[in-house]
C-alpha atoms as a PDB file:
ATOM      1  CA  UNK A   1      27.185  11.595   1.201  1.00  0.00           C
ATOM      2  CA  UNK A   2      23.877   9.860   0.547  1.00  0.00           C
ATOM      3  CA  UNK A   3      21.452  11.093  -2.053  1.00  0.00           C
ATOM      4  CA  UNK A   4      18.268  12.793  -0.923  1.00  0.00           C
ATOM      5  CA  UNK A   5      14.851  11.363  -1.683  1.00  0.00           C
ATOM      6  CA  UNK A   6      11.359  12.742  -1.301  1.00  0.00           C
ATOM      7  CA  UNK A   7       9.235  10.787   1.141  1.00  0.00           C
ATOM      8  CA  UNK A   8       5.512  11.259   0.991  1.00  0.00           C
ATOM      9  CA  UNK A   9       2.788  10.560   3.526  1.00  0.00           C
ATOM     10  CA  UNK A  10      -0.455  10.526   1.512  1.00  0.00           C
ATOM     11  CA  UNK A  11      -3.466  12.627   2.501  1.00  0.00           C
ATOM     12  CA  UNK A  12      -5.883  10.908   4.854  1.00  0.00           C
ATOM     13  CA  UNK A  13      -9.431  11.749   5.898  1.00  0.00           C
ATOM     14  CA  UNK A  14      -9.405  15.236   4.349  1.00  0.00           C
ATOM     15  CA  UNK A  15      -6.035  16.154   5.823  1.00  0.00           C
ATOM     16  CA  UNK A  16      -3.124  17.044   3.554  1.00  0.00           C
ATOM     17  CA  UNK A  17      -0.220  14.757   2.906  1.00  0.00           C
ATOM     18  CA  UNK A  18       3.318  15.536   4.010  1.00  0.00           C
ATOM     19  CA  UNK A  19       6.471  15.666   1.912  1.00  0.00           C
ATOM     20  CA  UNK A  20       9.775  15.220   3.717  1.00  0.00           C
ATOM     21  CA  UNK A  21      13.256  14.942   2.244  1.00  0.00           C
ATOM     22  CA  UNK A  22      15.464  12.245   3.829  1.00  0.00           C
ATOM     23  CA  UNK A  23      18.511  10.428   2.647  1.00  0.00           C
ATOM     24  CA  UNK A  24      17.581   7.612   0.294  1.00  0.00           C
ATOM     25  CA  UNK A  25      18.309   5.046   3.009  1.00  0.00           C
ATOM     26  CA  UNK A  26      15.656   6.583   5.300  1.00  0.00           C
ATOM     27  CA  UNK A  27      12.705   6.486   2.929  1.00  0.00           C
ATOM     28  CA  UNK A  28      11.805   2.900   3.793  1.00  0.00           C
ATOM     29  CA  UNK A  29      12.077   3.553   7.542  1.00  0.00           C
ATOM     30  CA  UNK A  30       9.655   6.491   7.213  1.00  0.00           C
ATOM     31  CA  UNK A  31       7.224   4.310   5.264  1.00  0.00           C
ATOM     32  CA  UNK A  32       7.549   1.487   7.810  1.00  0.00           C
ATOM     33  CA  UNK A  33       6.680   3.897  10.622  1.00  0.00           C
ATOM     34  CA  UNK A  34       3.608   5.195   8.805  1.00  0.00           C
ATOM     35  CA  UNK A  35       2.448   1.650   7.994  1.00  0.00           C
ATOM     36  CA  UNK A  36       2.879   0.478  11.580  1.00  0.00           C
ATOM     37  CA  UNK A  37       0.880   3.443  12.861  1.00  0.00           C
ATOM     38  CA  UNK A  38      -1.895   2.670  10.382  1.00  0.00           C
ATOM     39  CA  UNK A  39      -1.916  -0.963  11.477  1.00  0.00           C
ATOM     40  CA  UNK A  40      -2.222   0.132  15.100  1.00  0.00           C
ATOM     41  CA  UNK A  41      -5.075   2.492  14.216  1.00  0.00           C
ATOM     42  CA  UNK A  42      -6.883  -0.158  12.142  1.00  0.00           C
ATOM     43  CA  UNK A  43      -6.679  -2.812  14.862  1.00  0.00           C
ATOM     44  CA  UNK A  44      -8.757  -1.003  17.463  1.00  0.00           C
ATOM     45  CA  UNK A  45      -5.612   0.355  19.062  1.00  0.00           C
ATOM     46  CA  UNK A  46      -4.364  -2.962  20.397  1.00  0.00           C
ATOM     47  CA  UNK A  47      -1.461  -2.566  22.791  1.00  0.00           C
ATOM     48  CA  UNK A  48       0.329   0.509  24.012  1.00  0.00           C
ATOM     49  CA  UNK A  49       1.124   2.935  21.207  1.00  0.00           C
ATOM     50  CA  UNK A  50       4.494   3.947  22.646  1.00  0.00           C
ATOM     51  CA  UNK A  51       5.588   0.348  23.275  1.00  0.00           C
ATOM     52  CA  UNK A  52       4.759  -0.731  19.733  1.00  0.00           C
ATOM     53  CA  UNK A  53       6.597   2.247  18.247  1.00  0.00           C
ATOM     54  CA  UNK A  54       9.714   1.789  20.389  1.00  0.00           C
ATOM     55  CA  UNK A  55       9.939  -1.969  19.846  1.00  0.00           C
ATOM     56  CA  UNK A  56       9.845  -1.632  16.054  1.00  0.00           C
ATOM     57  CA  UNK A  57      11.960   1.510  15.896  1.00  0.00           C
ATOM     58  CA  UNK A  58      14.768  -0.091  17.868  1.00  0.00           C
ATOM     59  CA  UNK A  59      15.149  -2.801  15.216  1.00  0.00           C
ATOM     60  CA  UNK A  60      16.520  -0.222  12.764  1.00  0.00           C
ATOM     61  CA  UNK A  61      20.307  -0.078  12.442  1.00  0.00           C
ATOM     62  CA  UNK A  62      21.072   3.646  12.718  1.00  0.00           C
ATOM     63  CA  UNK A  63      19.846   6.757  14.500  1.00  0.00           C
ATOM     64  CA  UNK A  64      18.802   8.562  11.318  1.00  0.00           C
ATOM     65  CA  UNK A  65      16.615   5.654  10.209  1.00  0.00           C
ATOM     66  CA  UNK A  66      15.078   5.440  13.686  1.00  0.00           C
ATOM     67  CA  UNK A  67      14.269   9.153  13.500  1.00  0.00           C
ATOM     68  CA  UNK A  68      12.673   8.743  10.064  1.00  0.00           C
ATOM     69  CA  UNK A  69      10.602   5.841  11.425  1.00  0.00           C
ATOM     70  CA  UNK A  70       9.418   7.993  14.358  1.00  0.00           C
ATOM     71  CA  UNK A  71       8.474  10.861  12.058  1.00  0.00           C
ATOM     72  CA  UNK A  72       6.512   8.561   9.736  1.00  0.00           C
ATOM     73  CA  UNK A  73       4.765   6.881  12.666  1.00  0.00           C
ATOM     74  CA  UNK A  74       3.866  10.086  14.499  1.00  0.00           C
ATOM     75  CA  UNK A  75       2.877  11.899  11.294  1.00  0.00           C
ATOM     76  CA  UNK A  76       0.300   9.222  10.551  1.00  0.00           C
ATOM     77  CA  UNK A  77      -1.054   9.368  14.137  1.00  0.00           C
ATOM     78  CA  UNK A  78      -1.153  13.166  13.857  1.00  0.00           C
ATOM     79  CA  UNK A  79      -3.217  12.917  10.668  1.00  0.00           C
ATOM     80  CA  UNK A  80      -5.781  10.723  12.436  1.00  0.00           C
ATOM     81  CA  UNK A  81      -6.014  13.003  15.472  1.00  0.00           C
ATOM     82  CA  UNK A  82      -6.367  16.022  13.190  1.00  0.00           C
ATOM     83  CA  UNK A  83      -9.097  14.381  11.168  1.00  0.00           C
ATOM     84  CA  UNK A  84     -11.176  13.908  14.303  1.00  0.00           C
ATOM     85  CA  UNK A  85     -11.072  17.645  14.985  1.00  0.00           C
ATOM     86  CA  UNK A  86     -11.964  18.889  11.493  1.00  0.00           C
END
């Protein structure tokens, strides 16, 4: 059984951060997802959001890492959407 590790999405634009516990192996996938989402947001939303997420997610070796990547990616997008409504 893998050890658990706290993964943290920092606060952004007055919205709270998120703490999620994954297996240690999934921490980097979560962080990769959040970073890719931020890159997409910073680059004037170049390309289709879903296509960029799927293409990068599918490079990960296992389903649990792909899920962690999705959660990191969508959590960061959610923060941005939420910040526009506060």
